[in-house]
Amino acid sequence: MLFRVDPASAVPLGDQIAACVRGALADGSAEPGERLPAARELADSLGVNVHTVLRGYQRLREEGLIELRRGRGALIVPGATAPDRARLVSRLREAASDARELGLSDEEFVELARTVLA
């Protein structure tokens, strides 16, 4: 899996790291059950702080895409739904970004999503 970050981007580095994993899951270059690089190792290779990598990994854990195990590292959640979930999370992030560009508040976006689901 290839990780790339752009320090000049307005997107926080941790979010860029999380996006790399989501993209790899979505395009099939990473698979459920695969182990992610150790945070310290990835931080060294990207030239970022280890806490930046951990923030990205934490976001992925919150999204249900990876498991963090003390002493064993980060593992993409086993099961066939991880790639589909990664694609969905990416689409939701794009939709949230579009909503902000349109001037919608977070509450208005969530209400719109509820309307669509109904």
Protein backbone atom coordinates (compact mmCIF):
# COMPACT_ATOMS: atom_id res chain seq x y z
CA MET A 1 0.00 0.00 0.00
CA LEU A 2 1.35 3.39 -0.97
CA PHE A 3 1.01 6.32 1.43
CA ARG A 4 1.39 9.88 0.17
CA VAL A 5 0.78 13.13 2.00
CA ASP A 6 0.94 16.73 0.85
CA PRO A 7 2.09 19.06 3.65
CA ALA A 8 0.89 22.05 1.60
CA SER A 9 -2.68 20.73 1.44
CA ALA A 10 -5.44 22.23 3.56
CA VAL A 11 -6.45 18.67 4.51
CA PRO A 12 -4.84 17.63 7.81
CA LEU A 13 -2.05 15.07 7.42
CA GLY A 14 -3.82 12.50 9.60
CA ASP A 15 -6.89 12.74 7.37
CA GLN A 16 -4.68 12.30 4.30
CA ILE A 17 -3.21 9.13 5.81
CA ALA A 18 -6.71 7.80 6.54
CA ALA A 19 -7.75 8.66 2.97
CA CYS A 20 -4.83 6.61 1.61
CA VAL A 21 -6.11 3.53 3.43
CA ARG A 22 -9.72 4.16 2.38
CA GLY A 23 -8.61 4.56 -1.23
CA ALA A 24 -6.52 1.39 -1.13
CA LEU A 25 -9.48 -0.54 0.26
CA ALA A 26 -11.84 0.91 -2.31
CA ASP A 27 -9.59 0.12 -5.29
CA GLY A 28 -8.60 -3.33 -4.03
CA SER A 29 -4.90 -2.65 -3.46
CA ALA A 30 -5.46 -3.37 0.25
CA GLU A 31 -7.56 -6.22 1.53
CA PRO A 32 -9.40 -7.12 4.72
CA GLY A 33 -7.09 -8.79 7.20
CA GLU A 34 -4.02 -6.93 5.91
CA ARG A 35 -1.72 -5.35 8.49
CA LEU A 36 -0.93 -1.64 8.18
CA PRO A 37 2.59 -0.33 8.72
CA ALA A 38 3.57 0.41 12.31
CA ALA A 39 2.81 4.04 13.18
CA ARG A 40 6.43 4.87 13.97
CA GLU A 41 7.67 3.26 10.74
CA LEU A 42 5.07 5.08 8.62
CA ALA A 43 5.77 8.39 10.37
CA ASP A 44 9.49 8.04 9.63
CA SER A 45 8.88 7.21 5.96
CA LEU A 46 6.47 10.14 5.49
CA GLY A 47 8.50 12.59 7.57
CA VAL A 48 5.63 13.31 9.96
CA ASN A 49 5.09 13.00 13.69
CA VAL A 50 4.01 9.58 14.95
CA HIS A 51 0.95 11.20 16.58
CA THR A 52 -0.16 12.37 13.13
CA VAL A 53 -0.19 8.77 11.90
CA LEU A 54 -1.99 7.66 15.05
CA ARG A 55 -4.68 10.33 14.46
CA GLY A 56 -5.24 8.92 10.97
CA TYR A 57 -5.39 5.38 12.30
CA GLN A 58 -7.78 6.46 15.07
CA ARG A 59 -10.13 8.00 12.50
CA LEU A 60 -10.13 4.72 10.55
CA ARG A 61 -10.88 2.82 13.76
CA GLU A 62 -13.82 5.14 14.48
CA GLU A 63 -15.11 4.45 10.95
CA GLY A 64 -14.93 0.71 11.63
CA LEU A 65 -12.30 0.08 8.95
CA ILE A 66 -9.36 -1.01 11.11
CA GLU A 67 -8.70 -2.61 14.47
CA LEU A 68 -5.93 -1.26 16.69
CA ARG A 69 -4.33 -3.88 18.89
CA ARG A 70 -1.76 -2.96 21.50
CA GLY A 71 1.53 -4.55 20.60
CA ARG A 72 0.15 -5.98 17.35
CA GLY A 73 -0.48 -2.81 15.36
CA ALA A 74 -3.26 -1.87 13.00
CA LEU A 75 -5.18 -4.44 11.00
CA ILE A 76 -7.81 -3.85 8.32
CA VAL A 77 -11.03 -5.30 9.66
CA PRO A 78 -11.43 -8.86 8.39
CA GLY A 79 -14.53 -9.49 6.30
CA ALA A 80 -15.84 -8.70 2.89
CA THR A 81 -17.55 -5.43 3.85
CA ALA A 82 -14.42 -3.33 4.54
CA PRO A 83 -13.91 -2.22 0.90
CA ASP A 84 -17.60 -1.35 0.51
CA ARG A 85 -17.56 0.53 3.80
CA ALA A 86 -14.44 2.44 2.72
CA ARG A 87 -16.15 3.50 -0.51
CA LEU A 88 -19.23 4.60 1.42
CA VAL A 89 -17.17 6.63 3.91
CA SER A 90 -15.34 8.33 1.03
CA ARG A 91 -18.64 9.23 -0.64
CA LEU A 92 -20.07 10.54 2.62
CA ARG A 93 -16.99 12.74 3.12
CA GLU A 94 -17.42 14.12 -0.39
CA ALA A 95 -21.11 14.79 0.26
CA ALA A 96 -20.29 16.54 3.55
CA SER A 97 -17.69 18.67 1.77
CA ASP A 98 -20.21 19.57 -0.94
CA ALA A 99 -22.78 20.49 1.71
CA ARG A 100 -20.31 22.82 3.42
CA GLU A 101 -19.51 24.47 0.09
CA LEU A 102 -23.24 25.08 -0.31
CA GLY A 103 -23.32 26.69 3.12
CA LEU A 104 -25.25 23.96 4.92
CA SER A 105 -24.54 23.46 8.59
CA ASP A 106 -23.66 20.03 9.92
CA GLU A 107 -27.15 19.75 11.40
CA GLU A 108 -28.78 20.64 8.07
CA PHE A 109 -26.63 18.03 6.32
CA VAL A 110 -27.57 15.33 8.83
CA GLU A 111 -31.26 16.25 8.50
CA LEU A 112 -30.97 16.06 4.72
CA ALA A 113 -29.36 12.64 5.02
CA ARG A 114 -32.21 11.49 7.28
CA THR A 115 -34.72 12.72 4.70
CA VAL A 116 -32.96 10.77 1.97
CA LEU A 117 -32.89 7.63 4.13
CA ALA A 118 -36.61 7.89 4.82
